[in-house]
Amino acid sequence: MICLVSDDSDIELNYEASLEINPHSIVLCYTSTAQNEVKQLQKRLSAALNSDISLVKVPEFDLDAIQDIAENLFMSLHGKQIVLHYSGGTKPMSIGFFEEFRGTGCSIVHTDLNTRTMWWRTAEGFFQKKMQ
């Protein structure tokens, strides 16, 4: 699972989505301004899940650089089941990662904590699910 983190509002969003999905491994893509937040999220996820967690630093607003990082990340995970949770991060991060992972056969997920709903886009189609 790939999560995007750019500020403190992304902590709970990614935490809840990760609990819901319960992935084998998590890649937290974060901005330089979110170093404290990503460490807090990593600590919470480590305590709650038995997942391998890695960190990847991403620029906040440089779309070309963001897409390069997303492409390299996709290539390094090729052959594995990938879930992109694009709800967090800056808008360029969300757009860049979405564009790189769209149409690759990966699951792409958006989460709304207010309605406790997740929207999934997979190779089979688009659907929504209420979170537990």
Protein backbone atom coordinates (compact mmCIF):
# COMPACT_ATOMS: atom_id res chain seq x y z
CA MET A 1 0.00 0.00 0.00
CA ILE A 2 1.26 3.46 -0.88
CA CYS A 3 0.12 6.43 1.24
CA LEU A 4 0.74 10.15 0.73
CA VAL A 5 1.56 12.46 3.66
CA SER A 6 2.04 16.24 3.56
CA ASP A 7 0.56 17.48 6.86
CA ASP A 8 -1.03 16.38 10.13
CA SER A 9 -4.49 15.89 8.59
CA ASP A 10 -3.02 12.98 6.60
CA ILE A 11 -2.11 11.01 9.73
CA GLU A 12 -5.60 9.86 10.71
CA LEU A 13 -6.71 9.50 7.09
CA ASN A 14 -3.87 7.12 6.20
CA TYR A 15 -3.98 5.37 9.56
CA GLU A 16 -7.67 4.49 9.21
CA ALA A 17 -7.29 3.42 5.57
CA SER A 18 -4.31 1.22 6.46
CA LEU A 19 -6.25 -0.45 9.28
CA GLU A 20 -9.11 -1.10 6.87
CA ILE A 21 -6.89 -2.56 4.14
CA ASN A 22 -4.34 -4.25 6.45
CA PRO A 23 -1.56 -4.48 3.85
CA HIS A 24 1.56 -6.62 4.04
CA SER A 25 3.74 -3.57 3.44
CA ILE A 26 3.25 0.21 3.44
CA VAL A 27 5.22 2.90 1.65
CA LEU A 28 4.70 6.34 3.22
CA CYS A 29 5.50 9.03 0.64
CA TYR A 30 6.01 12.29 2.49
CA THR A 31 7.11 15.88 1.98
CA SER A 32 10.01 17.54 3.77
CA THR A 33 7.50 19.60 5.79
CA ALA A 34 5.82 16.40 7.03
CA GLN A 35 8.82 14.67 8.59
CA ASN A 36 7.35 14.75 12.10
CA GLU A 37 3.93 13.65 10.88
CA VAL A 38 5.27 10.71 8.87
CA LYS A 39 7.29 9.50 11.87
CA GLN A 40 4.19 9.72 14.06
CA LEU A 41 2.15 7.79 11.47
CA GLN A 42 4.90 5.20 11.07
CA LYS A 43 4.96 4.65 14.84
CA ARG A 44 1.17 4.26 15.05
CA LEU A 45 1.06 1.87 12.10
CA SER A 46 3.91 -0.21 13.50
CA ALA A 47 2.04 -0.59 16.78
CA ALA A 48 -1.26 -1.50 15.09
CA LEU A 49 -0.24 -3.65 12.12
CA ASN A 50 2.28 -6.32 11.29
CA SER A 51 3.34 -4.50 8.11
CA ASP A 52 6.73 -3.57 6.75
CA ILE A 53 6.83 0.24 6.57
CA SER A 54 9.21 2.25 4.42
CA LEU A 55 9.54 5.98 3.81
CA VAL A 56 10.02 7.83 0.51
CA LYS A 57 10.58 11.59 0.44
CA VAL A 58 8.65 13.40 -2.30
CA PRO A 59 8.67 17.09 -3.36
CA GLU A 60 5.55 19.01 -2.42
CA PHE A 61 4.70 20.70 -5.71
CA ASP A 62 7.10 19.60 -8.48
CA LEU A 63 4.75 17.43 -10.55
CA ASP A 64 7.47 16.12 -12.90
CA ALA A 65 9.67 15.03 -9.99
CA ILE A 66 6.66 13.53 -8.18
CA GLN A 67 5.74 11.49 -11.25
CA ASP A 68 9.34 10.31 -11.63
CA ILE A 69 9.33 9.08 -8.03
CA ALA A 70 5.92 7.44 -8.51
CA GLU A 71 7.14 5.69 -11.67
CA ASN A 72 10.31 4.45 -9.95
CA LEU A 73 8.26 3.24 -7.01
CA PHE A 74 5.86 1.41 -9.32
CA MET A 75 8.76 -0.24 -11.13
CA SER A 76 10.32 -1.36 -7.82
CA LEU A 77 7.00 -2.94 -6.78
CA HIS A 78 6.24 -4.46 -10.19
CA GLY A 79 4.70 -7.91 -9.88
CA LYS A 80 3.28 -7.22 -6.43
CA GLN A 81 -0.31 -6.36 -5.60
CA ILE A 82 -0.32 -2.57 -5.17
CA VAL A 83 -2.91 -0.33 -3.53
CA LEU A 84 -2.46 3.41 -4.00
CA HIS A 85 -4.22 5.47 -1.33
CA TYR A 86 -4.17 8.91 -2.96
CA SER A 87 -6.32 10.78 -0.43
CA GLY A 88 -3.44 12.45 1.40
CA GLY A 89 -0.50 14.55 0.28
CA THR A 90 -0.49 17.77 -1.68
CA LYS A 91 -2.71 18.04 -4.74
CA PRO A 92 0.30 17.62 -7.09
CA MET A 93 1.29 14.49 -5.14
CA SER A 94 -2.21 13.03 -5.48
CA ILE A 95 -2.41 13.90 -9.17
CA GLY A 96 1.10 12.67 -9.96
CA PHE A 97 0.69 9.33 -8.21
CA PHE A 98 -2.82 8.82 -9.58
CA GLU A 99 -1.64 9.49 -13.13
CA GLU A 100 1.30 7.09 -12.82
CA PHE A 101 -0.73 4.24 -11.28
CA ARG A 102 -3.95 4.64 -13.28
CA GLY A 103 -4.44 1.90 -15.83
CA THR A 104 -1.66 -0.30 -14.42
CA GLY A 105 -3.94 -2.88 -12.80
CA CYS A 106 -3.28 -1.48 -9.34
CA SER A 107 -6.10 -0.72 -6.93
CA ILE A 108 -6.56 3.00 -6.42
CA VAL A 109 -8.35 4.09 -3.25
CA HIS A 110 -9.80 7.35 -1.94
CA THR A 111 -11.02 7.65 1.67
CA ASP A 112 -13.52 10.05 3.24
CA LEU A 113 -13.42 9.83 7.03
CA ASN A 114 -16.48 12.07 7.44
CA THR A 115 -18.71 9.49 5.75
CA ARG A 116 -16.45 6.52 6.66
CA THR A 117 -16.43 5.50 2.99
CA MET A 118 -13.71 4.20 0.70
CA TRP A 119 -13.93 4.41 -3.09
CA TRP A 120 -11.97 1.77 -5.01
CA ARG A 121 -10.92 1.72 -8.64
CA THR A 122 -9.65 -1.66 -9.77
CA ALA A 123 -9.21 -3.43 -13.09
CA GLU A 124 -12.74 -4.80 -12.57
CA GLY A 125 -14.35 -1.39 -12.12
CA PHE A 126 -15.24 1.26 -9.57
CA PHE A 127 -17.06 0.66 -6.27
CA GLN A 128 -17.49 2.05 -2.79
CA LYS A 129 -17.35 0.42 0.61
CA LYS A 130 -18.30 1.55 4.08
CA MET A 131 -15.41 1.40 6.53
CA GLN A 132 -15.71 -0.60 9.74
